[in-house]
Amino acid sequence: MSDKYDFKKEYRQLYQTKTDPVVIQVPPRKYLCVDGFGDPNTSREYQDAVALLYGITYTIKMSRTEAPAQGYFDYVAPPLEGFWDIDGKGFDGHRITDKERFAWTSFMAVPDYVTPQVLKWAAEKLRTKKPGLNPSAVRLEIFEEGLCVQCMHVGTYDSEPETIRRMNEFLEQEGYETDITPQRRHHEIYLGDPRKQAPEKRKTIIRHPIKRKAVPVE
């Protein structure tokens, strides 16, 4: 039985959601991040970003006696996540297939002991092992998403608009509205390895920032 720290268990409300929308409060958390543009299905930039995130994560994970980390502990590699938008406006349900215009930030959660010094050390180790990658593209950032709605989407990425529609209907009923801005973006969390799943069985948590609807002044 594994005693490794597991983000999915420690933050159950963030990773263990169902196919019905739910409102959650997302706390500040630390991530490894890579930014880019373009279609993730064809973009070398996106493929390299994913390779970098996994490469840095596993370099840190396997570095019990090497990394300059105070308070080191081993952990289960967390799911890959991503912020996505087109022109800073998220997805309106009609342009989600306009992939060549995507702007994205791919990221993975890390423990608090991962500091800029630890990241620099891991980047240099990865640069030696994978000279074709550019570890300097990886940065540390703390995201505080705050009030959000999320829902499990099962199926292809192109079929996400139907799940988003249900999320919006739920928000309308509960007195909320979507609050997507260039700073608060459409968020996807990929459960399992999509490369090993049939497209119609992929599980993706969709998360949108929200706010309370303004009460009309009479």
N, C-alpha and C. Protein backbone atom coordinates (compact mmCIF):
# COMPACT_ATOMS: atom_id res chain seq x y z
N MET A 1 0.85 -1.19 0.00
CA MET A 1 0.00 0.00 0.00
C MET A 1 0.88 1.24 0.00
N SER A 2 0.66 2.15 -0.94
CA SER A 2 1.53 3.31 -1.10
C SER A 2 1.25 4.34 -0.02
N ASP A 3 2.35 4.92 0.55
CA ASP A 3 2.19 5.99 1.52
C ASP A 3 2.65 7.33 0.92
N LYS A 4 2.79 7.37 -0.40
CA LYS A 4 3.19 8.60 -1.05
C LYS A 4 2.07 9.64 -0.98
N TYR A 5 2.47 10.89 -0.90
CA TYR A 5 1.50 11.99 -0.93
C TYR A 5 0.80 11.96 -2.29
N ASP A 6 -0.53 12.05 -2.26
CA ASP A 6 -1.32 11.97 -3.48
C ASP A 6 -2.25 13.18 -3.55
N PHE A 7 -2.01 14.07 -4.51
CA PHE A 7 -2.82 15.28 -4.65
C PHE A 7 -4.30 14.95 -4.82
N LYS A 8 -4.60 13.88 -5.55
CA LYS A 8 -6.00 13.54 -5.82
C LYS A 8 -6.73 13.15 -4.54
N LYS A 9 -6.00 12.60 -3.56
CA LYS A 9 -6.61 12.23 -2.28
C LYS A 9 -6.63 13.41 -1.31
N GLU A 10 -5.57 14.19 -1.32
CA GLU A 10 -5.50 15.33 -0.41
C GLU A 10 -6.48 16.43 -0.80
N TYR A 11 -6.77 16.53 -2.09
CA TYR A 11 -7.69 17.55 -2.59
C TYR A 11 -8.84 16.86 -3.33
N ARG A 12 -9.57 16.03 -2.59
CA ARG A 12 -10.63 15.24 -3.21
C ARG A 12 -11.67 16.10 -3.90
N GLN A 13 -11.99 17.25 -3.30
CA GLN A 13 -13.04 18.09 -3.88
C GLN A 13 -12.63 18.66 -5.23
N LEU A 14 -11.34 18.68 -5.52
CA LEU A 14 -10.84 19.24 -6.78
C LEU A 14 -10.72 18.18 -7.88
N TYR A 15 -10.49 16.93 -7.49
CA TYR A 15 -10.20 15.89 -8.47
C TYR A 15 -11.22 14.77 -8.54
N GLN A 16 -12.10 14.67 -7.54
CA GLN A 16 -13.05 13.56 -7.51
C GLN A 16 -14.47 14.13 -7.62
N THR A 17 -14.79 14.59 -8.80
CA THR A 17 -16.09 15.19 -9.05
C THR A 17 -16.93 14.27 -9.93
N LYS A 18 -18.23 14.55 -10.02
CA LYS A 18 -19.14 13.69 -10.78
C LYS A 18 -19.61 14.41 -12.04
N THR A 19 -20.54 13.77 -12.75
CA THR A 19 -21.01 14.33 -14.02
C THR A 19 -22.12 15.36 -13.83
N ASP A 20 -22.44 15.69 -12.57
CA ASP A 20 -23.34 16.80 -12.28
C ASP A 20 -22.50 17.99 -11.83
N PRO A 21 -22.78 19.20 -12.32
CA PRO A 21 -21.99 20.36 -11.93
C PRO A 21 -22.07 20.63 -10.43
N VAL A 22 -20.99 21.18 -9.88
CA VAL A 22 -20.93 21.52 -8.46
C VAL A 22 -20.10 22.79 -8.29
N VAL A 23 -20.48 23.63 -7.34
CA VAL A 23 -19.73 24.85 -7.02
C VAL A 23 -18.69 24.50 -5.97
N ILE A 24 -17.45 24.96 -6.19
CA ILE A 24 -16.37 24.70 -5.25
C ILE A 24 -15.55 25.97 -5.04
N GLN A 25 -14.78 25.99 -3.96
CA GLN A 25 -13.82 27.05 -3.68
C GLN A 25 -12.43 26.45 -3.84
N VAL A 26 -11.65 26.96 -4.79
CA VAL A 26 -10.34 26.39 -5.08
C VAL A 26 -9.27 27.20 -4.36
N PRO A 27 -8.49 26.58 -3.48
CA PRO A 27 -7.47 27.31 -2.72
C PRO A 27 -6.24 27.60 -3.56
N PRO A 28 -5.36 28.49 -3.08
CA PRO A 28 -4.10 28.74 -3.79
C PRO A 28 -3.24 27.48 -3.81
N ARG A 29 -2.63 27.21 -4.97
CA ARG A 29 -1.77 26.03 -5.09
C ARG A 29 -0.61 26.34 -6.03
N LYS A 30 0.48 25.59 -5.83
CA LYS A 30 1.71 25.83 -6.59
C LYS A 30 1.80 24.85 -7.75
N TYR A 31 2.24 25.37 -8.92
CA TYR A 31 2.29 24.55 -10.14
C TYR A 31 3.58 24.80 -10.93
N LEU A 32 3.99 23.78 -11.68
CA LEU A 32 4.93 23.94 -12.79
C LEU A 32 4.11 24.30 -14.02
N CYS A 33 4.53 25.30 -14.78
CA CYS A 33 3.71 25.80 -15.89
C CYS A 33 4.54 26.01 -17.15
N VAL A 34 3.89 25.81 -18.30
CA VAL A 34 4.46 26.13 -19.61
C VAL A 34 3.36 26.75 -20.46
N ASP A 35 3.66 27.88 -21.09
CA ASP A 35 2.69 28.57 -21.95
C ASP A 35 2.94 28.26 -23.42
N GLY A 36 1.87 28.36 -24.22
CA GLY A 36 2.05 28.18 -25.66
C GLY A 36 0.79 28.50 -26.44
N PHE A 37 0.87 28.27 -27.75
CA PHE A 37 -0.22 28.58 -28.67
C PHE A 37 -0.37 27.45 -29.67
N GLY A 38 -1.59 27.29 -30.19
CA GLY A 38 -1.80 26.39 -31.31
C GLY A 38 -2.55 25.12 -30.95
N ASP A 39 -2.78 24.31 -31.96
CA ASP A 39 -3.53 23.07 -31.87
C ASP A 39 -2.72 22.02 -31.10
N PRO A 40 -3.22 21.54 -29.95
CA PRO A 40 -2.45 20.56 -29.19
C PRO A 40 -2.28 19.23 -29.90
N ASN A 41 -3.13 18.95 -30.90
CA ASN A 41 -3.04 17.70 -31.63
C ASN A 41 -1.89 17.68 -32.64
N THR A 42 -1.48 18.86 -33.07
CA THR A 42 -0.45 18.94 -34.11
C THR A 42 0.76 19.78 -33.71
N SER A 43 0.67 20.48 -32.60
CA SER A 43 1.72 21.41 -32.20
C SER A 43 2.89 20.71 -31.51
N ARG A 44 4.08 20.87 -32.04
CA ARG A 44 5.28 20.36 -31.38
C ARG A 44 5.49 21.10 -30.06
N GLU A 45 5.09 22.37 -30.04
CA GLU A 45 5.24 23.18 -28.84
C GLU A 45 4.45 22.56 -27.68
N TYR A 46 3.24 22.09 -27.97
CA TYR A 46 2.42 21.49 -26.91
C TYR A 46 3.02 20.16 -26.47
N GLN A 47 3.45 19.34 -27.43
CA GLN A 47 4.06 18.05 -27.08
C GLN A 47 5.30 18.25 -26.21
N ASP A 48 6.10 19.25 -26.54
CA ASP A 48 7.29 19.54 -25.74
C ASP A 48 6.91 20.03 -24.35
N ALA A 49 5.83 20.83 -24.25
CA ALA A 49 5.39 21.33 -22.96
C ALA A 49 5.01 20.18 -22.03
N VAL A 50 4.27 19.21 -22.55
CA VAL A 50 3.87 18.06 -21.74
C VAL A 50 5.11 17.25 -21.34
N ALA A 51 6.02 17.05 -22.27
CA ALA A 51 7.25 16.31 -21.96
C ALA A 51 8.07 17.03 -20.88
N LEU A 52 8.10 18.34 -20.95
CA LEU A 52 8.84 19.12 -19.95
C LEU A 52 8.21 18.99 -18.56
N LEU A 53 6.89 19.08 -18.49
CA LEU A 53 6.22 19.01 -17.19
C LEU A 53 6.43 17.64 -16.54
N TYR A 54 6.27 16.57 -17.33
CA TYR A 54 6.50 15.24 -16.77
C TYR A 54 7.98 15.04 -16.46
N GLY A 55 8.85 15.55 -17.31
CA GLY A 55 10.29 15.39 -17.09
C GLY A 55 10.75 16.07 -15.81
N ILE A 56 10.32 17.31 -15.59
CA ILE A 56 10.69 18.03 -14.37
C ILE A 56 10.07 17.36 -13.15
N THR A 57 8.79 16.97 -13.27
CA THR A 57 8.11 16.34 -12.14
C THR A 57 8.83 15.08 -11.69
N TYR A 58 9.17 14.20 -12.63
CA TYR A 58 9.82 12.94 -12.25
C TYR A 58 11.26 13.15 -11.82
N THR A 59 11.93 14.17 -12.33
CA THR A 59 13.28 14.48 -11.86
C THR A 59 13.23 14.86 -10.39
N ILE A 60 12.25 15.69 -10.01
CA ILE A 60 12.11 16.08 -8.60
C ILE A 60 11.70 14.90 -7.74
N LYS A 61 10.71 14.13 -8.22
CA LYS A 61 10.21 12.99 -7.46
C LYS A 61 11.32 11.99 -7.10
N MET A 62 12.23 11.77 -8.03
CA MET A 62 13.24 10.73 -7.87
C MET A 62 14.53 11.26 -7.25
N SER A 63 14.47 12.45 -6.65
CA SER A 63 15.69 13.13 -6.23
C SER A 63 15.86 13.18 -4.72
N ARG A 64 15.43 12.16 -4.02
CA ARG A 64 15.42 12.18 -2.55
C ARG A 64 16.73 12.68 -1.95
N THR A 65 17.85 12.25 -2.48
CA THR A 65 19.15 12.61 -1.88
C THR A 65 19.91 13.67 -2.66
N GLU A 66 19.35 14.14 -3.78
CA GLU A 66 20.10 15.06 -4.62
C GLU A 66 19.57 16.48 -4.63
N ALA A 67 18.28 16.65 -4.74
CA ALA A 67 17.71 17.99 -4.92
C ALA A 67 17.95 18.86 -3.69
N PRO A 68 18.18 20.16 -3.91
CA PRO A 68 18.37 21.09 -2.79
C PRO A 68 17.03 21.48 -2.19
N ALA A 69 16.27 20.47 -1.73
CA ALA A 69 14.91 20.72 -1.25
C ALA A 69 14.82 20.50 0.25
N GLN A 70 14.28 21.48 0.96
CA GLN A 70 14.03 21.35 2.38
C GLN A 70 12.64 20.72 2.58
N GLY A 71 12.59 19.64 3.35
CA GLY A 71 11.30 19.02 3.61
C GLY A 71 10.85 18.09 2.50
N TYR A 72 11.78 17.51 1.76
CA TYR A 72 11.43 16.62 0.65
C TYR A 72 10.53 15.47 1.10
N PHE A 73 9.55 15.13 0.27
CA PHE A 73 8.81 13.87 0.39
C PHE A 73 8.41 13.43 -1.00
N ASP A 74 8.29 12.12 -1.19
CA ASP A 74 7.89 11.59 -2.48
C ASP A 74 6.39 11.78 -2.65
N TYR A 75 5.94 11.82 -3.89
CA TYR A 75 4.52 12.03 -4.14
C TYR A 75 4.12 11.37 -5.46
N VAL A 76 2.83 11.09 -5.57
CA VAL A 76 2.28 10.53 -6.80
C VAL A 76 2.18 11.64 -7.84
N ALA A 77 2.67 11.39 -9.03
CA ALA A 77 2.59 12.42 -10.08
C ALA A 77 1.13 12.82 -10.28
N PRO A 78 0.81 14.11 -10.18
CA PRO A 78 -0.58 14.56 -10.30
C PRO A 78 -1.04 14.59 -11.75
N PRO A 79 -2.33 14.78 -11.97
CA PRO A 79 -2.82 14.84 -13.35
C PRO A 79 -2.28 16.08 -14.08
N LEU A 80 -2.17 15.95 -15.38
CA LEU A 80 -1.88 17.08 -16.24
C LEU A 80 -3.12 17.98 -16.28
N GLU A 81 -2.90 19.30 -16.26
CA GLU A 81 -4.01 20.24 -16.31
C GLU A 81 -3.72 21.30 -17.36
N GLY A 82 -4.73 22.08 -17.70
CA GLY A 82 -4.50 23.13 -18.70
C GLY A 82 -5.53 24.24 -18.62
N PHE A 83 -5.05 25.48 -18.80
CA PHE A 83 -5.92 26.62 -19.05
C PHE A 83 -5.97 26.84 -20.57
N TRP A 84 -7.15 27.17 -21.07
CA TRP A 84 -7.33 27.34 -22.50
C TRP A 84 -8.20 28.56 -22.80
N ASP A 85 -7.89 29.24 -23.88
CA ASP A 85 -8.80 30.29 -24.35
C ASP A 85 -8.51 30.63 -25.81
N ILE A 86 -9.41 31.40 -26.37
CA ILE A 86 -9.24 31.98 -27.70
C ILE A 86 -9.47 33.48 -27.54
N ASP A 87 -8.47 34.28 -27.85
CA ASP A 87 -8.57 35.74 -27.76
C ASP A 87 -8.95 36.19 -26.35
N GLY A 88 -8.54 35.44 -25.32
CA GLY A 88 -8.80 35.83 -23.95
C GLY A 88 -10.24 35.71 -23.52
N LYS A 89 -11.06 34.95 -24.28
CA LYS A 89 -12.50 34.91 -24.01
C LYS A 89 -13.01 33.51 -23.68
N GLY A 90 -12.14 32.58 -23.43
CA GLY A 90 -12.62 31.22 -23.15
C GLY A 90 -13.22 30.60 -24.40
N PHE A 91 -14.22 29.76 -24.20
CA PHE A 91 -14.90 29.10 -25.32
C PHE A 91 -16.39 29.40 -25.23
N ASP A 92 -16.98 29.82 -26.32
CA ASP A 92 -18.40 30.14 -26.31
C ASP A 92 -19.27 28.96 -26.73
N GLY A 93 -18.68 27.78 -26.89
CA GLY A 93 -19.44 26.59 -27.27
C GLY A 93 -19.49 26.37 -28.77
N HIS A 94 -19.00 27.34 -29.55
CA HIS A 94 -19.03 27.21 -31.01
C HIS A 94 -17.63 27.21 -31.61
N ARG A 95 -16.64 27.68 -30.84
CA ARG A 95 -15.31 27.82 -31.39
C ARG A 95 -14.31 26.87 -30.75
N ILE A 96 -14.80 25.90 -29.99
CA ILE A 96 -13.89 25.01 -29.30
C ILE A 96 -13.11 24.11 -30.26
N THR A 97 -13.58 24.01 -31.50
CA THR A 97 -12.86 23.23 -32.51
C THR A 97 -11.90 24.10 -33.33
N ASP A 98 -11.83 25.37 -33.02
CA ASP A 98 -10.93 26.29 -33.73
C ASP A 98 -9.55 26.22 -33.08
N LYS A 99 -8.96 25.03 -33.11
CA LYS A 99 -7.81 24.72 -32.28
C LYS A 99 -6.53 25.49 -32.64
N GLU A 100 -6.38 25.87 -33.89
CA GLU A 100 -5.15 26.55 -34.25
C GLU A 100 -5.04 27.93 -33.60
N ARG A 101 -6.15 28.43 -33.02
CA ARG A 101 -6.14 29.73 -32.35
C ARG A 101 -6.04 29.62 -30.84
N PHE A 102 -5.87 28.40 -30.33
CA PHE A 102 -5.80 28.21 -28.89
C PHE A 102 -4.58 28.90 -28.29
N ALA A 103 -4.79 29.54 -27.15
CA ALA A 103 -3.70 29.95 -26.26
C ALA A 103 -3.84 29.08 -25.01
N TRP A 104 -2.75 28.50 -24.55
CA TRP A 104 -2.85 27.55 -23.45
C TRP A 104 -1.71 27.70 -22.45
N THR A 105 -2.01 27.27 -21.24
CA THR A 105 -1.00 27.09 -20.21
C THR A 105 -1.16 25.68 -19.68
N SER A 106 -0.17 24.84 -19.89
CA SER A 106 -0.20 23.48 -19.35
C SER A 106 0.52 23.48 -18.01
N PHE A 107 0.01 22.70 -17.05
CA PHE A 107 0.62 22.75 -15.72
C PHE A 107 0.36 21.48 -14.93
N MET A 108 1.21 21.28 -13.90
CA MET A 108 1.08 20.16 -12.96
C MET A 108 1.38 20.68 -11.57
N ALA A 109 0.60 20.23 -10.60
CA ALA A 109 0.79 20.63 -9.21
C ALA A 109 2.11 20.08 -8.67
N VAL A 110 2.71 20.84 -7.74
CA VAL A 110 3.93 20.39 -7.07
C VAL A 110 3.81 20.70 -5.58
N PRO A 111 4.55 19.98 -4.74
CA PRO A 111 4.56 20.29 -3.30
C PRO A 111 5.17 21.67 -3.05
N ASP A 112 4.89 22.21 -1.88
CA ASP A 112 5.39 23.54 -1.53
C ASP A 112 6.91 23.59 -1.44
N TYR A 113 7.56 22.44 -1.22
CA TYR A 113 9.02 22.48 -1.10
C TYR A 113 9.71 22.73 -2.44
N VAL A 114 8.96 22.70 -3.53
CA VAL A 114 9.56 22.99 -4.84
C VAL A 114 9.69 24.51 -4.98
N THR A 115 10.89 24.99 -4.85
CA THR A 115 11.23 26.41 -4.91
C THR A 115 11.89 26.72 -6.25
N PRO A 116 12.10 27.99 -6.57
CA PRO A 116 12.85 28.31 -7.80
C PRO A 116 14.22 27.63 -7.84
N GLN A 117 14.86 27.48 -6.69
CA GLN A 117 16.15 26.81 -6.66
C GLN A 117 16.02 25.33 -7.04
N VAL A 118 14.98 24.67 -6.52
CA VAL A 118 14.74 23.26 -6.85
C VAL A 118 14.40 23.12 -8.33
N LEU A 119 13.57 24.02 -8.85
CA LEU A 119 13.23 23.98 -10.27
C LEU A 119 14.47 24.18 -11.13
N LYS A 120 15.32 25.11 -10.78
CA LYS A 120 16.56 25.35 -11.55
C LYS A 120 17.42 24.10 -11.56
N TRP A 121 17.55 23.45 -10.41
CA TRP A 121 18.34 22.22 -10.33
C TRP A 121 17.75 21.13 -11.23
N ALA A 122 16.42 20.94 -11.14
CA ALA A 122 15.77 19.90 -11.94
C ALA A 122 15.87 20.21 -13.43
N ALA A 123 15.77 21.48 -13.79
CA ALA A 123 15.87 21.87 -15.20
C ALA A 123 17.24 21.53 -15.77
N GLU A 124 18.27 21.75 -14.98
CA GLU A 124 19.62 21.44 -15.46
C GLU A 124 19.81 19.93 -15.60
N LYS A 125 19.24 19.17 -14.67
CA LYS A 125 19.32 17.71 -14.77
C LYS A 125 18.60 17.23 -16.03
N LEU A 126 17.42 17.78 -16.28
CA LEU A 126 16.64 17.36 -17.44
C LEU A 126 17.32 17.79 -18.74
N ARG A 127 17.94 18.96 -18.73
CA ARG A 127 18.63 19.45 -19.94
C ARG A 127 19.73 18.47 -20.36
N THR A 128 20.40 17.87 -19.39
CA THR A 128 21.45 16.91 -19.68
C THR A 128 20.89 15.62 -20.26
N LYS A 129 19.74 15.18 -19.71
CA LYS A 129 19.13 13.92 -20.15
C LYS A 129 18.35 14.07 -21.45
N LYS A 130 17.73 15.23 -21.65
CA LYS A 130 16.88 15.46 -22.82
C LYS A 130 17.31 16.76 -23.50
N PRO A 131 18.42 16.74 -24.21
CA PRO A 131 18.95 17.98 -24.80
C PRO A 131 18.03 18.60 -25.84
N GLY A 132 17.05 17.86 -26.34
CA GLY A 132 16.13 18.43 -27.33
C GLY A 132 15.05 19.30 -26.73
N LEU A 133 14.92 19.28 -25.39
CA LEU A 133 13.90 20.09 -24.72
C LEU A 133 14.50 21.37 -24.17
N ASN A 134 13.65 22.31 -23.84
CA ASN A 134 14.09 23.60 -23.31
C ASN A 134 13.49 23.82 -21.92
N PRO A 135 14.14 23.32 -20.87
CA PRO A 135 13.58 23.41 -19.52
C PRO A 135 13.39 24.84 -19.03
N SER A 136 14.06 25.80 -19.65
CA SER A 136 13.90 27.19 -19.22
C SER A 136 12.48 27.71 -19.51
N ALA A 137 11.70 26.94 -20.31
CA ALA A 137 10.32 27.34 -20.58
C ALA A 137 9.40 27.06 -19.40
N VAL A 138 9.88 26.27 -18.42
CA VAL A 138 9.05 25.90 -17.27
C VAL A 138 9.23 26.95 -16.18
N ARG A 139 8.11 27.36 -15.58
CA ARG A 139 8.16 28.31 -14.48
C ARG A 139 7.29 27.81 -13.33
N LEU A 140 7.52 28.36 -12.15
CA LEU A 140 6.68 28.11 -10.98
C LEU A 140 5.68 29.23 -10.84
N GLU A 141 4.45 28.88 -10.51
CA GLU A 141 3.44 29.91 -10.28
C GLU A 141 2.41 29.39 -9.29
N ILE A 142 1.84 30.31 -8.52
CA ILE A 142 0.75 29.99 -7.62
C ILE A 142 -0.53 30.53 -8.22
N PHE A 143 -1.51 29.65 -8.44
CA PHE A 143 -2.82 30.05 -8.94
C PHE A 143 -3.81 30.02 -7.78
N GLU A 144 -4.65 31.02 -7.72
CA GLU A 144 -5.75 31.04 -6.76
C GLU A 144 -7.03 31.24 -7.55
N GLU A 145 -7.67 30.14 -7.91
CA GLU A 145 -8.84 30.22 -8.79
C GLU A 145 -10.09 30.71 -8.07
N GLY A 146 -10.18 30.45 -6.77
CA GLY A 146 -11.33 30.95 -6.03
C GLY A 146 -12.62 30.22 -6.35
N LEU A 147 -13.71 30.97 -6.47
CA LEU A 147 -15.03 30.39 -6.68
C LEU A 147 -15.17 29.87 -8.11
N CYS A 148 -15.53 28.58 -8.24
CA CYS A 148 -15.61 27.95 -9.56
C CYS A 148 -16.77 26.95 -9.60
N VAL A 149 -17.16 26.59 -10.81
CA VAL A 149 -18.04 25.45 -11.03
C VAL A 149 -17.23 24.41 -11.80
N GLN A 150 -17.45 23.13 -11.47
CA GLN A 150 -16.76 22.09 -12.22
C GLN A 150 -17.67 20.89 -12.42
N CYS A 151 -17.28 20.07 -13.42
CA CYS A 151 -18.11 18.94 -13.81
C CYS A 151 -17.23 17.93 -14.53
N MET A 152 -17.51 16.66 -14.33
CA MET A 152 -16.79 15.62 -15.08
C MET A 152 -17.38 15.50 -16.48
N HIS A 153 -16.52 15.61 -17.47
CA HIS A 153 -16.92 15.40 -18.86
C HIS A 153 -16.38 14.06 -19.32
N VAL A 154 -17.23 13.21 -19.83
CA VAL A 154 -16.82 11.91 -20.37
C VAL A 154 -17.05 11.94 -21.87
N GLY A 155 -15.99 11.77 -22.63
CA GLY A 155 -16.12 11.79 -24.09
C GLY A 155 -14.99 12.56 -24.75
N THR A 156 -15.17 12.85 -26.01
CA THR A 156 -14.14 13.55 -26.78
C THR A 156 -14.06 15.00 -26.34
N TYR A 157 -12.92 15.61 -26.62
CA TYR A 157 -12.77 17.03 -26.28
C TYR A 157 -13.71 17.90 -27.12
N ASP A 158 -13.97 17.48 -28.36
CA ASP A 158 -14.85 18.27 -29.23
C ASP A 158 -16.30 18.26 -28.75
N SER A 159 -16.65 17.31 -27.87
CA SER A 159 -18.02 17.26 -27.37
C SER A 159 -18.20 18.02 -26.05
N GLU A 160 -17.17 18.74 -25.62
CA GLU A 160 -17.25 19.50 -24.37
C GLU A 160 -18.36 20.55 -24.35
N PRO A 161 -18.72 21.20 -25.48
CA PRO A 161 -19.76 22.23 -25.41
C PRO A 161 -21.06 21.78 -24.75
N GLU A 162 -21.43 20.51 -24.89
CA GLU A 162 -22.66 20.03 -24.26
C GLU A 162 -22.53 20.05 -22.73
N THR A 163 -21.37 19.65 -22.22
CA THR A 163 -21.14 19.70 -20.78
C THR A 163 -21.10 21.14 -20.29
N ILE A 164 -20.49 22.02 -21.07
CA ILE A 164 -20.44 23.44 -20.70
C ILE A 164 -21.84 24.03 -20.68
N ARG A 165 -22.68 23.61 -21.61
CA ARG A 165 -24.07 24.10 -21.64
C ARG A 165 -24.78 23.69 -20.35
N ARG A 166 -24.59 22.45 -19.91
CA ARG A 166 -25.23 22.00 -18.67
C ARG A 166 -24.69 22.76 -17.46
N MET A 167 -23.41 23.06 -17.47
CA MET A 167 -22.82 23.84 -16.39
C MET A 167 -23.45 25.24 -16.33
N ASN A 168 -23.64 25.84 -17.50
CA ASN A 168 -24.22 27.18 -17.54
C ASN A 168 -25.68 27.18 -17.08
N GLU A 169 -26.43 26.13 -17.44
CA GLU A 169 -27.81 26.01 -16.97
C GLU A 169 -27.84 25.89 -15.44
N PHE A 170 -26.92 25.11 -14.89
CA PHE A 170 -26.83 24.95 -13.44
C PHE A 170 -26.54 26.29 -12.77
N LEU A 171 -25.61 27.04 -13.34
CA LEU A 171 -25.26 28.34 -12.77
C LEU A 171 -26.46 29.28 -12.77
N GLU A 172 -27.21 29.28 -13.86
CA GLU A 172 -28.40 30.13 -13.96
C GLU A 172 -29.39 29.79 -12.84
N GLN A 173 -29.58 28.52 -12.59
CA GLN A 173 -30.52 28.09 -11.56
C GLN A 173 -30.04 28.46 -10.15
N GLU A 174 -28.72 28.46 -9.96
CA GLU A 174 -28.16 28.69 -8.63
C GLU A 174 -27.80 30.15 -8.36
N GLY A 175 -28.02 31.02 -9.34
CA GLY A 175 -27.76 32.44 -9.12
C GLY A 175 -26.32 32.87 -9.36
N TYR A 176 -25.59 32.10 -10.16
CA TYR A 176 -24.21 32.44 -10.51
C TYR A 176 -24.12 32.71 -12.01
N GLU A 177 -22.96 33.21 -12.44
CA GLU A 177 -22.66 33.33 -13.85
C GLU A 177 -21.18 33.09 -14.07
N THR A 178 -20.84 32.66 -15.26
CA THR A 178 -19.44 32.42 -15.61
C THR A 178 -18.66 33.73 -15.56
N ASP A 179 -17.42 33.66 -15.09
CA ASP A 179 -16.59 34.86 -14.95
C ASP A 179 -15.24 34.64 -15.63
N ILE A 180 -15.28 34.19 -16.88
CA ILE A 180 -14.04 33.97 -17.63
C ILE A 180 -13.48 35.30 -18.12
N THR A 181 -12.20 35.51 -17.83
CA THR A 181 -11.46 36.71 -18.23
C THR A 181 -10.08 36.26 -18.69
N PRO A 182 -9.23 37.17 -19.20
CA PRO A 182 -7.87 36.75 -19.53
C PRO A 182 -7.10 36.20 -18.32
N GLN A 183 -7.52 36.56 -17.10
CA GLN A 183 -6.86 36.07 -15.90
C GLN A 183 -7.53 34.83 -15.30
N ARG A 184 -8.83 34.64 -15.58
CA ARG A 184 -9.58 33.49 -15.05
C ARG A 184 -10.08 32.70 -16.26
N ARG A 185 -9.50 31.53 -16.49
CA ARG A 185 -9.65 30.87 -17.78
C ARG A 185 -10.35 29.52 -17.68
N HIS A 186 -10.84 29.05 -18.83
CA HIS A 186 -11.37 27.69 -18.99
C HIS A 186 -10.28 26.71 -18.57
N HIS A 187 -10.63 25.77 -17.67
CA HIS A 187 -9.65 24.89 -17.04
C HIS A 187 -10.05 23.44 -17.29
N GLU A 188 -9.09 22.63 -17.70
CA GLU A 188 -9.33 21.20 -17.91
C GLU A 188 -8.33 20.40 -17.10
N ILE A 189 -8.81 19.30 -16.48
CA ILE A 189 -7.96 18.38 -15.72
C ILE A 189 -8.12 17.00 -16.34
N TYR A 190 -7.03 16.39 -16.75
CA TYR A 190 -7.07 15.15 -17.52
C TYR A 190 -6.82 13.95 -16.60
N LEU A 191 -7.87 13.15 -16.39
CA LEU A 191 -7.77 11.98 -15.53
C LEU A 191 -7.44 10.76 -16.39
N GLY A 192 -6.39 10.06 -16.02
CA GLY A 192 -5.95 8.96 -16.86
C GLY A 192 -5.08 9.48 -18.00
N ASP A 193 -4.58 8.58 -18.79
CA ASP A 193 -3.72 8.92 -19.92
C ASP A 193 -4.55 8.89 -21.20
N PRO A 194 -4.86 10.07 -21.79
CA PRO A 194 -5.71 10.09 -22.98
C PRO A 194 -5.12 9.30 -24.16
N ARG A 195 -3.81 9.10 -24.14
CA ARG A 195 -3.18 8.34 -25.22
C ARG A 195 -3.56 6.86 -25.15
N LYS A 196 -4.04 6.41 -23.97
CA LYS A 196 -4.37 5.01 -23.78
C LYS A 196 -5.88 4.79 -23.64
N GLN A 197 -6.67 5.84 -23.84
CA GLN A 197 -8.12 5.75 -23.69
C GLN A 197 -8.81 5.95 -25.03
N ALA A 198 -9.89 5.23 -25.24
CA ALA A 198 -10.72 5.52 -26.41
C ALA A 198 -11.28 6.94 -26.25
N PRO A 199 -11.30 7.75 -27.32
CA PRO A 199 -11.75 9.14 -27.19
C PRO A 199 -13.10 9.29 -26.50
N GLU A 200 -14.03 8.37 -26.78
CA GLU A 200 -15.37 8.49 -26.20
C GLU A 200 -15.40 8.15 -24.71
N LYS A 201 -14.29 7.62 -24.17
CA LYS A 201 -14.24 7.25 -22.75
C LYS A 201 -13.31 8.14 -21.94
N ARG A 202 -12.73 9.15 -22.55
CA ARG A 202 -11.84 10.04 -21.83
C ARG A 202 -12.59 10.77 -20.72
N LYS A 203 -11.91 10.94 -19.58
CA LYS A 203 -12.50 11.66 -18.45
C LYS A 203 -11.73 12.95 -18.23
N THR A 204 -12.44 14.06 -18.34
CA THR A 204 -11.85 15.39 -18.20
C THR A 204 -12.71 16.22 -17.26
N ILE A 205 -12.12 16.75 -16.20
CA ILE A 205 -12.84 17.69 -15.35
C ILE A 205 -12.77 19.06 -16.02
N ILE A 206 -13.93 19.66 -16.24
CA ILE A 206 -14.01 21.03 -16.77
C ILE A 206 -14.33 21.96 -15.61
N ARG A 207 -13.54 23.01 -15.46
CA ARG A 207 -13.74 23.97 -14.37
C ARG A 207 -13.78 25.39 -14.93
N HIS A 208 -14.79 26.13 -14.52
CA HIS A 208 -14.92 27.52 -14.94
C HIS A 208 -14.99 28.44 -13.72
N PRO A 209 -14.33 29.60 -13.77
CA PRO A 209 -14.49 30.59 -12.71
C PRO A 209 -15.89 31.19 -12.78
N ILE A 210 -16.45 31.51 -11.61
CA ILE A 210 -17.80 32.07 -11.57
C ILE A 210 -17.89 33.20 -10.57
N LYS A 211 -19.01 33.89 -10.58
CA LYS A 211 -19.30 34.92 -9.59
C LYS A 211 -20.82 34.94 -9.38
N ARG A 212 -21.23 35.51 -8.26
CA ARG A 212 -22.64 35.69 -8.00
C ARG A 212 -23.23 36.69 -8.98
N LYS A 213 -24.44 36.42 -9.45
CA LYS A 213 -25.10 37.36 -10.32
C LYS A 213 -25.44 38.62 -9.55
N ALA A 214 -25.30 39.75 -10.22
CA ALA A 214 -25.66 41.02 -9.59
C ALA A 214 -27.18 41.07 -9.40
N VAL A 215 -27.60 41.59 -8.26
CA VAL A 215 -29.02 41.75 -8.00
C VAL A 215 -29.50 43.05 -8.61
N PRO A 216 -30.50 43.01 -9.50
CA PRO A 216 -30.98 44.23 -10.13
C PRO A 216 -31.47 45.25 -9.11
N VAL A 217 -31.13 46.48 -9.35
CA VAL A 217 -31.60 47.57 -8.47
C VAL A 217 -32.93 48.07 -8.96
N GLU A 218 -33.91 48.01 -8.09
CA GLU A 218 -35.27 48.43 -8.51
C GLU A 218 -35.44 49.94 -8.32
